[in-house]
């Protein structure tokens, strides 16, 4: 799933950056990734891929092509592209933040599966209980909520700095 955090804006990003200088806190990949890890502890679904901007696709580009050059457009600072997904050097650059999260398939299925027991004997494992065949209906609002939580948390932290 792709998630876009729209409207960060240069002024918001600049304020968070200035506050970082004082508190060593920033809107960063680490904070959003940490939220993803927290989310994984709350529910049983496991995110397996968490990438920003062009993500793994960026490895196929030259650095000169992948560079998000800054410009002034209509009197506002922006970048010509947004391959970084709105985060450069761990700090929001004022562009929209976007990232991709992918989940592994649910492994507990209602189909018999071969395994080995504690005595190294072949056994058949049978899925029991309630298990969702697809995590998407639950995962999407949780990832959105955790990303929003990180943004609001950083905003509130910036308000405590004098």
N, C-alpha and C. Protein backbone atom coordinates (compact mmCIF):
# COMPACT_ATOMS: atom_id res chain seq x y z
N UNK A 1 0.84 -1.17 0.00
CA UNK A 1 0.00 0.00 0.00
C UNK A 1 0.88 1.23 0.00
N UNK A 2 0.50 2.23 -0.75
CA UNK A 2 1.20 3.52 -0.75
C UNK A 2 0.44 4.44 0.18
N UNK A 3 1.15 5.25 0.94
CA UNK A 3 0.52 6.24 1.79
C UNK A 3 1.18 7.58 1.52
N UNK A 4 0.37 8.59 1.25
CA UNK A 4 0.86 9.94 1.04
C UNK A 4 0.47 10.81 2.21
N UNK A 5 1.43 11.52 2.79
CA UNK A 5 1.17 12.51 3.83
C UNK A 5 1.29 13.85 3.13
N UNK A 6 0.15 14.41 2.74
CA UNK A 6 0.15 15.60 1.90
C UNK A 6 0.19 16.87 2.73
N UNK A 7 0.73 17.91 2.12
CA UNK A 7 0.64 19.25 2.70
C UNK A 7 1.57 19.54 3.85
N UNK A 8 2.69 18.83 3.96
CA UNK A 8 3.66 19.17 5.00
C UNK A 8 4.12 20.62 4.82
N UNK A 9 4.41 20.98 3.59
CA UNK A 9 4.80 22.35 3.30
C UNK A 9 6.18 22.71 3.81
N UNK A 10 6.80 23.66 3.14
CA UNK A 10 8.15 24.06 3.49
C UNK A 10 8.18 24.70 4.87
N UNK A 11 7.17 25.50 5.23
CA UNK A 11 7.19 26.17 6.53
C UNK A 11 7.12 25.17 7.67
N UNK A 12 6.27 24.16 7.54
CA UNK A 12 6.18 23.12 8.57
C UNK A 12 7.49 22.36 8.65
N UNK A 13 8.03 21.99 7.50
CA UNK A 13 9.30 21.25 7.48
C UNK A 13 10.42 22.10 8.07
N UNK A 14 10.46 23.38 7.73
CA UNK A 14 11.50 24.26 8.26
C UNK A 14 11.39 24.40 9.77
N UNK A 15 10.17 24.51 10.27
CA UNK A 15 9.97 24.63 11.72
C UNK A 15 10.44 23.36 12.41
N UNK A 16 10.09 22.20 11.87
CA UNK A 16 10.55 20.95 12.47
C UNK A 16 12.07 20.84 12.39
N UNK A 17 12.65 21.34 11.30
CA UNK A 17 14.12 21.29 11.18
C UNK A 17 14.77 22.20 12.20
N UNK A 18 14.24 23.40 12.38
CA UNK A 18 14.80 24.32 13.38
C UNK A 18 14.71 23.71 14.77
N UNK A 19 13.58 23.08 15.07
CA UNK A 19 13.42 22.44 16.37
C UNK A 19 14.40 21.28 16.52
N UNK A 20 14.72 20.62 15.42
CA UNK A 20 15.67 19.51 15.46
C UNK A 20 17.02 20.02 15.93
N UNK A 21 17.37 21.21 15.49
CA UNK A 21 18.65 21.76 15.88
C UNK A 21 18.74 21.88 17.40
N UNK A 22 17.60 22.11 18.06
CA UNK A 22 17.58 22.28 19.51
C UNK A 22 17.39 20.97 20.25
N UNK A 23 16.64 20.05 19.68
CA UNK A 23 16.25 18.85 20.42
C UNK A 23 16.77 17.55 19.83
N UNK A 24 17.40 17.62 18.67
CA UNK A 24 17.88 16.42 17.97
C UNK A 24 16.72 15.50 17.58
N UNK A 25 15.52 16.06 17.43
CA UNK A 25 14.36 15.32 16.96
C UNK A 25 14.02 15.81 15.56
N UNK A 26 13.55 14.95 14.69
CA UNK A 26 13.14 15.36 13.36
C UNK A 26 12.10 14.41 12.82
N UNK A 27 11.35 14.89 11.85
CA UNK A 27 10.45 14.01 11.12
C UNK A 27 11.34 13.15 10.25
N UNK A 28 11.47 11.89 10.57
CA UNK A 28 12.49 11.10 9.91
C UNK A 28 11.99 9.72 9.53
N UNK A 29 12.78 9.09 8.69
CA UNK A 29 12.49 7.71 8.31
C UNK A 29 12.45 6.83 9.55
N UNK A 30 13.36 7.10 10.47
CA UNK A 30 13.43 6.26 11.67
C UNK A 30 12.15 6.35 12.49
N UNK A 31 11.57 7.54 12.62
CA UNK A 31 10.36 7.70 13.42
C UNK A 31 9.18 6.98 12.76
N UNK A 32 9.03 7.13 11.45
CA UNK A 32 7.92 6.46 10.77
C UNK A 32 8.14 4.95 10.77
N UNK A 33 9.39 4.52 10.59
CA UNK A 33 9.67 3.09 10.61
C UNK A 33 9.43 2.53 12.02
N UNK A 34 9.78 3.31 13.04
CA UNK A 34 9.52 2.89 14.42
C UNK A 34 8.02 2.72 14.64
N UNK A 35 7.22 3.63 14.09
CA UNK A 35 5.77 3.50 14.21
C UNK A 35 5.29 2.22 13.55
N UNK A 36 5.88 1.89 12.42
CA UNK A 36 5.52 0.64 11.74
C UNK A 36 5.85 -0.55 12.63
N UNK A 37 7.00 -0.52 13.31
CA UNK A 37 7.36 -1.61 14.22
C UNK A 37 6.38 -1.70 15.39
N UNK A 38 5.98 -0.53 15.91
CA UNK A 38 4.99 -0.53 17.00
C UNK A 38 3.69 -1.15 16.52
N UNK A 39 3.29 -0.77 15.32
CA UNK A 39 2.05 -1.30 14.76
C UNK A 39 2.12 -2.82 14.66
N UNK A 40 3.28 -3.33 14.28
CA UNK A 40 3.42 -4.77 14.15
C UNK A 40 3.24 -5.47 15.49
N UNK A 41 3.60 -4.82 16.56
CA UNK A 41 3.42 -5.41 17.88
C UNK A 41 1.97 -5.40 18.33
N UNK A 42 1.18 -4.51 17.75
CA UNK A 42 -0.23 -4.38 18.16
C UNK A 42 -1.10 -5.45 17.50
N UNK A 43 -0.76 -5.82 16.30
CA UNK A 43 -1.54 -6.83 15.59
C UNK A 43 -0.59 -7.88 15.04
N UNK A 44 -1.14 -8.98 14.61
CA UNK A 44 -0.27 -10.08 14.22
C UNK A 44 0.28 -9.97 12.80
N UNK A 45 -0.17 -9.00 12.02
CA UNK A 45 0.31 -8.88 10.65
C UNK A 45 1.71 -8.29 10.64
N UNK A 46 2.55 -8.79 9.77
CA UNK A 46 3.93 -8.35 9.72
C UNK A 46 4.20 -7.60 8.41
N UNK A 47 4.58 -6.33 8.53
CA UNK A 47 5.02 -5.58 7.37
C UNK A 47 6.41 -6.08 6.99
N UNK A 48 6.63 -6.39 5.75
CA UNK A 48 7.92 -6.92 5.32
C UNK A 48 8.72 -5.92 4.51
N UNK A 49 8.06 -4.94 3.94
CA UNK A 49 8.75 -3.93 3.15
C UNK A 49 8.26 -2.57 3.62
N UNK A 50 9.19 -1.66 3.85
CA UNK A 50 8.87 -0.29 4.23
C UNK A 50 9.85 0.59 3.48
N UNK A 51 9.38 1.27 2.44
CA UNK A 51 10.28 2.05 1.62
C UNK A 51 9.71 3.44 1.36
N UNK A 52 10.61 4.41 1.27
CA UNK A 52 10.24 5.80 1.03
C UNK A 52 10.50 6.17 -0.41
N UNK A 53 9.67 7.07 -0.92
CA UNK A 53 9.89 7.62 -2.26
C UNK A 53 10.02 6.52 -3.30
N UNK A 54 11.08 6.60 -4.06
CA UNK A 54 11.30 5.61 -5.12
C UNK A 54 11.69 4.25 -4.56
N UNK A 55 12.07 4.20 -3.29
CA UNK A 55 12.38 2.93 -2.63
C UNK A 55 13.40 2.10 -3.38
N UNK A 56 13.11 0.81 -3.48
CA UNK A 56 14.05 -0.09 -4.15
C UNK A 56 14.21 0.24 -5.63
N UNK A 57 13.21 0.88 -6.23
CA UNK A 57 13.31 1.28 -7.63
C UNK A 57 14.42 2.29 -7.87
N UNK A 58 14.77 3.05 -6.82
CA UNK A 58 15.81 4.05 -6.94
C UNK A 58 17.19 3.48 -7.21
N UNK A 59 17.40 2.21 -6.88
CA UNK A 59 18.72 1.62 -7.10
C UNK A 59 19.02 1.44 -8.58
N UNK A 60 18.01 1.51 -9.41
CA UNK A 60 18.21 1.36 -10.84
C UNK A 60 18.46 2.70 -11.53
N UNK A 61 18.48 3.79 -10.75
CA UNK A 61 18.68 5.12 -11.32
C UNK A 61 20.10 5.61 -11.03
N UNK A 62 20.57 6.52 -11.85
CA UNK A 62 21.83 7.21 -11.56
C UNK A 62 21.57 8.24 -10.47
N UNK A 63 22.58 8.53 -9.68
CA UNK A 63 22.44 9.53 -8.64
C UNK A 63 22.04 10.89 -9.20
N UNK A 64 22.55 11.23 -10.36
CA UNK A 64 22.21 12.52 -10.98
C UNK A 64 20.75 12.58 -11.40
N UNK A 65 20.16 11.44 -11.72
CA UNK A 65 18.74 11.41 -12.09
C UNK A 65 17.84 11.36 -10.85
N UNK A 66 18.34 10.74 -9.79
CA UNK A 66 17.56 10.54 -8.56
C UNK A 66 17.57 11.78 -7.66
N UNK A 67 18.46 12.71 -7.91
CA UNK A 67 18.62 13.90 -7.08
C UNK A 67 17.38 14.79 -7.16
N UNK A 68 16.81 15.12 -6.01
CA UNK A 68 15.67 16.04 -5.94
C UNK A 68 16.20 17.47 -5.82
N UNK A 69 16.37 18.12 -6.97
CA UNK A 69 16.92 19.47 -6.98
C UNK A 69 15.91 20.47 -6.45
N UNK A 70 16.38 21.41 -5.63
CA UNK A 70 15.52 22.47 -5.10
C UNK A 70 15.37 23.58 -6.12
N UNK A 71 14.20 24.22 -6.09
CA UNK A 71 13.89 25.31 -7.02
C UNK A 71 12.92 26.28 -6.33
N UNK A 72 12.77 27.45 -6.92
CA UNK A 72 11.73 28.37 -6.47
C UNK A 72 10.70 28.41 -7.58
N UNK A 73 9.46 28.04 -7.23
CA UNK A 73 8.38 27.98 -8.19
C UNK A 73 7.19 28.73 -7.60
N UNK A 74 6.72 29.74 -8.30
CA UNK A 74 5.62 30.57 -7.83
C UNK A 74 5.93 31.16 -6.46
N UNK A 75 7.19 31.54 -6.26
CA UNK A 75 7.61 32.16 -5.01
C UNK A 75 7.79 31.22 -3.84
N UNK A 76 7.64 29.92 -4.06
CA UNK A 76 7.77 28.92 -2.99
C UNK A 76 8.93 27.98 -3.29
N UNK A 77 9.60 27.52 -2.25
CA UNK A 77 10.66 26.53 -2.40
C UNK A 77 10.03 25.16 -2.58
N UNK A 78 10.51 24.42 -3.57
CA UNK A 78 10.04 23.06 -3.81
C UNK A 78 11.17 22.27 -4.45
N UNK A 79 10.92 21.01 -4.71
CA UNK A 79 11.90 20.21 -5.45
C UNK A 79 11.32 19.91 -6.82
N UNK A 80 12.20 19.72 -7.80
CA UNK A 80 11.77 19.44 -9.17
C UNK A 80 11.15 18.05 -9.27
N UNK A 81 11.58 17.15 -8.40
CA UNK A 81 11.04 15.79 -8.36
C UNK A 81 10.87 15.44 -6.88
N UNK A 82 10.40 14.25 -6.60
CA UNK A 82 10.25 13.84 -5.20
C UNK A 82 10.63 12.37 -5.05
N UNK A 83 11.77 12.00 -5.61
CA UNK A 83 12.22 10.62 -5.50
C UNK A 83 12.52 10.21 -4.06
N UNK A 84 12.84 11.19 -3.22
CA UNK A 84 13.17 10.89 -1.81
C UNK A 84 11.92 10.63 -0.98
N UNK A 85 10.75 10.85 -1.54
CA UNK A 85 9.52 10.64 -0.79
C UNK A 85 9.31 11.70 0.28
N UNK A 86 9.90 12.88 0.10
CA UNK A 86 9.70 13.98 1.02
C UNK A 86 10.65 14.00 2.20
N UNK A 87 11.58 13.04 2.27
CA UNK A 87 12.52 12.98 3.38
C UNK A 87 13.93 12.88 2.81
N UNK A 88 14.78 13.84 3.19
CA UNK A 88 16.17 13.83 2.75
C UNK A 88 17.05 13.95 3.98
N UNK A 89 17.99 13.04 4.11
CA UNK A 89 18.89 13.06 5.26
C UNK A 89 18.15 12.89 6.58
N UNK A 90 17.00 12.22 6.55
CA UNK A 90 16.22 11.99 7.76
C UNK A 90 15.33 13.14 8.16
N UNK A 91 15.24 14.18 7.32
CA UNK A 91 14.45 15.36 7.65
C UNK A 91 13.47 15.64 6.53
N UNK A 92 12.26 16.05 6.88
CA UNK A 92 11.28 16.43 5.86
C UNK A 92 11.81 17.60 5.05
N UNK A 93 11.68 17.51 3.73
CA UNK A 93 12.14 18.61 2.88
C UNK A 93 11.00 19.52 2.47
N UNK A 94 9.80 19.30 3.01
CA UNK A 94 8.66 20.14 2.70
C UNK A 94 7.77 19.60 1.60
N UNK A 95 8.24 18.60 0.88
CA UNK A 95 7.41 17.97 -0.14
C UNK A 95 6.50 16.93 0.51
N UNK A 96 5.52 16.45 -0.25
CA UNK A 96 4.66 15.39 0.27
C UNK A 96 5.51 14.20 0.67
N UNK A 97 5.19 13.60 1.80
CA UNK A 97 5.89 12.41 2.26
C UNK A 97 5.08 11.21 1.77
N UNK A 98 5.76 10.29 1.12
CA UNK A 98 5.05 9.07 0.74
C UNK A 98 5.94 7.86 0.92
N UNK A 99 5.30 6.76 1.28
CA UNK A 99 6.03 5.52 1.50
C UNK A 99 5.15 4.35 1.14
N UNK A 100 5.78 3.24 0.98
CA UNK A 100 5.12 2.00 0.58
C UNK A 100 5.33 0.97 1.68
N UNK A 101 4.28 0.26 2.03
CA UNK A 101 4.37 -0.82 3.01
C UNK A 101 3.78 -2.06 2.36
N UNK A 102 4.51 -3.15 2.43
CA UNK A 102 4.01 -4.42 1.88
C UNK A 102 3.96 -5.44 3.01
N UNK A 103 3.02 -6.33 2.94
CA UNK A 103 2.84 -7.34 3.97
C UNK A 103 3.01 -8.73 3.40
N UNK A 104 3.52 -9.62 4.24
CA UNK A 104 3.65 -11.01 3.81
C UNK A 104 2.26 -11.65 3.79
N UNK A 105 2.09 -12.70 3.03
CA UNK A 105 0.80 -13.40 3.06
C UNK A 105 0.57 -14.01 4.44
N UNK A 106 -0.68 -14.17 4.79
CA UNK A 106 -1.03 -14.81 6.06
C UNK A 106 -0.57 -16.27 5.99
N UNK A 107 0.21 -16.70 6.99
CA UNK A 107 0.76 -18.06 6.94
C UNK A 107 -0.13 -19.09 7.62
N UNK A 108 -0.98 -18.67 8.55
CA UNK A 108 -1.90 -19.62 9.17
C UNK A 108 -3.14 -19.69 8.29
N UNK A 109 -3.21 -20.77 7.54
CA UNK A 109 -4.31 -20.95 6.60
C UNK A 109 -5.07 -22.21 6.97
N UNK A 110 -6.25 -22.32 6.48
CA UNK A 110 -7.08 -23.48 6.79
C UNK A 110 -6.81 -24.62 5.81
N UNK A 111 -5.55 -24.88 5.57
CA UNK A 111 -5.12 -25.96 4.69
C UNK A 111 -4.04 -26.72 5.45
N UNK A 112 -4.10 -28.03 5.42
CA UNK A 112 -3.09 -28.84 6.09
C UNK A 112 -1.71 -28.53 5.51
N UNK A 113 -0.72 -28.42 6.44
CA UNK A 113 0.64 -28.11 6.02
C UNK A 113 1.61 -29.10 6.66
N UNK A 114 2.60 -29.50 5.90
CA UNK A 114 3.62 -30.41 6.43
C UNK A 114 4.57 -29.65 7.34
N UNK A 115 5.00 -30.33 8.42
CA UNK A 115 5.96 -29.73 9.35
C UNK A 115 6.73 -30.85 10.05
N UNK A 116 7.48 -30.48 11.08
CA UNK A 116 8.25 -31.44 11.87
C UNK A 116 8.01 -31.11 13.34
N UNK A 117 7.81 -32.15 14.17
CA UNK A 117 7.59 -31.92 15.60
C UNK A 117 8.92 -31.88 16.36
N UNK A 118 8.82 -31.78 17.71
CA UNK A 118 10.03 -31.67 18.55
C UNK A 118 10.92 -32.91 18.49
N UNK A 119 10.39 -34.04 17.99
CA UNK A 119 11.17 -35.27 17.84
C UNK A 119 11.67 -35.46 16.40
N UNK A 120 11.58 -34.41 15.62
CA UNK A 120 11.98 -34.44 14.21
C UNK A 120 11.16 -35.43 13.38
N UNK A 121 9.94 -35.66 13.83
CA UNK A 121 9.02 -36.53 13.10
C UNK A 121 8.11 -35.68 12.22
N UNK A 122 7.79 -36.20 11.05
CA UNK A 122 6.88 -35.49 10.16
C UNK A 122 5.49 -35.44 10.78
N UNK A 123 4.88 -34.26 10.71
CA UNK A 123 3.52 -34.09 11.22
C UNK A 123 2.74 -33.20 10.25
N UNK A 124 1.44 -33.21 10.41
CA UNK A 124 0.57 -32.32 9.64
C UNK A 124 0.06 -31.24 10.60
N UNK A 125 0.23 -29.99 10.23
CA UNK A 125 -0.27 -28.87 11.03
C UNK A 125 -1.60 -28.44 10.42
N UNK A 126 -2.62 -28.31 11.30
CA UNK A 126 -3.94 -27.89 10.84
C UNK A 126 -4.26 -26.54 11.46
N UNK A 127 -4.58 -25.57 10.62
CA UNK A 127 -4.94 -24.24 11.11
C UNK A 127 -6.24 -24.29 11.89
N UNK A 128 -6.28 -23.56 13.00
CA UNK A 128 -7.47 -23.52 13.84
C UNK A 128 -7.79 -22.07 14.17
N UNK A 129 -9.01 -21.82 14.54
CA UNK A 129 -9.40 -20.49 14.99
C UNK A 129 -9.75 -19.56 13.86
N UNK A 130 -9.87 -18.28 14.22
CA UNK A 130 -10.26 -17.25 13.25
C UNK A 130 -9.00 -16.59 12.70
N UNK A 131 -8.80 -16.69 11.41
CA UNK A 131 -7.66 -16.05 10.76
C UNK A 131 -8.15 -15.37 9.49
N UNK A 132 -7.74 -14.13 9.32
CA UNK A 132 -8.15 -13.38 8.13
C UNK A 132 -7.37 -13.86 6.91
N UNK A 133 -8.04 -14.09 5.80
CA UNK A 133 -7.34 -14.51 4.58
C UNK A 133 -6.56 -13.35 3.94
N UNK A 134 -6.89 -12.10 4.30
CA UNK A 134 -6.24 -10.93 3.71
C UNK A 134 -6.12 -9.85 4.79
N UNK A 135 -4.92 -9.27 4.94
CA UNK A 135 -4.70 -8.27 5.99
C UNK A 135 -5.10 -6.86 5.57
N UNK A 136 -5.33 -6.63 4.29
CA UNK A 136 -5.54 -5.27 3.79
C UNK A 136 -6.66 -4.51 4.51
N UNK A 137 -7.84 -5.10 4.72
CA UNK A 137 -8.89 -4.29 5.36
C UNK A 137 -8.48 -3.75 6.74
N UNK A 138 -7.67 -4.47 7.47
CA UNK A 138 -7.24 -3.99 8.79
C UNK A 138 -5.95 -3.20 8.71
N UNK A 139 -5.06 -3.56 7.84
CA UNK A 139 -3.73 -2.95 7.79
C UNK A 139 -3.78 -1.50 7.33
N UNK A 140 -4.58 -1.19 6.34
CA UNK A 140 -4.60 0.16 5.77
C UNK A 140 -4.93 1.22 6.82
N UNK A 141 -6.03 1.11 7.56
CA UNK A 141 -6.31 2.17 8.54
C UNK A 141 -5.29 2.21 9.68
N UNK A 142 -4.69 1.09 10.01
CA UNK A 142 -3.70 1.09 11.08
C UNK A 142 -2.43 1.80 10.64
N UNK A 143 -1.95 1.53 9.43
CA UNK A 143 -0.75 2.22 8.93
C UNK A 143 -1.04 3.72 8.80
N UNK A 144 -2.22 4.09 8.29
CA UNK A 144 -2.58 5.50 8.18
C UNK A 144 -2.59 6.17 9.55
N UNK A 145 -3.18 5.49 10.53
CA UNK A 145 -3.28 6.06 11.88
C UNK A 145 -1.90 6.21 12.52
N UNK A 146 -1.02 5.24 12.33
CA UNK A 146 0.31 5.32 12.92
C UNK A 146 1.12 6.44 12.27
N UNK A 147 0.99 6.63 10.96
CA UNK A 147 1.70 7.72 10.29
C UNK A 147 1.18 9.07 10.80
N UNK A 148 -0.14 9.19 10.93
CA UNK A 148 -0.72 10.43 11.45
C UNK A 148 -0.26 10.67 12.89
N UNK A 149 -0.18 9.61 13.67
CA UNK A 149 0.28 9.71 15.06
C UNK A 149 1.70 10.26 15.13
N UNK A 150 2.58 9.80 14.25
CA UNK A 150 3.97 10.28 14.22
C UNK A 150 4.00 11.77 13.88
N UNK A 151 3.23 12.19 12.87
CA UNK A 151 3.23 13.59 12.46
C UNK A 151 2.72 14.48 13.59
N UNK A 152 1.62 14.10 14.21
CA UNK A 152 1.06 14.89 15.31
C UNK A 152 2.00 14.90 16.50
N UNK A 153 2.62 13.77 16.81
CA UNK A 153 3.56 13.70 17.92
C UNK A 153 4.72 14.66 17.71
N UNK A 154 5.28 14.67 16.51
CA UNK A 154 6.38 15.59 16.23
C UNK A 154 5.94 17.05 16.29
N UNK A 155 4.74 17.30 15.80
CA UNK A 155 4.21 18.67 15.86
C UNK A 155 4.06 19.11 17.32
N UNK A 156 3.48 18.26 18.15
CA UNK A 156 3.30 18.60 19.56
C UNK A 156 4.64 18.76 20.28
N UNK A 157 5.61 17.91 19.94
CA UNK A 157 6.94 18.08 20.53
C UNK A 157 7.54 19.41 20.16
N UNK A 158 7.33 19.86 18.92
CA UNK A 158 7.89 21.13 18.50
C UNK A 158 7.27 22.29 19.27
N UNK A 159 6.04 22.14 19.74
CA UNK A 159 5.36 23.19 20.50
C UNK A 159 5.90 23.33 21.93
N UNK A 160 6.60 22.31 22.43
CA UNK A 160 7.12 22.36 23.80
C UNK A 160 8.48 23.02 23.89
N UNK A 161 9.10 23.30 22.75
CA UNK A 161 10.43 23.89 22.74
C UNK A 161 10.31 25.41 22.85
N UNK A 162 11.07 25.99 23.75
CA UNK A 162 11.00 27.45 23.94
C UNK A 162 12.25 28.11 23.43
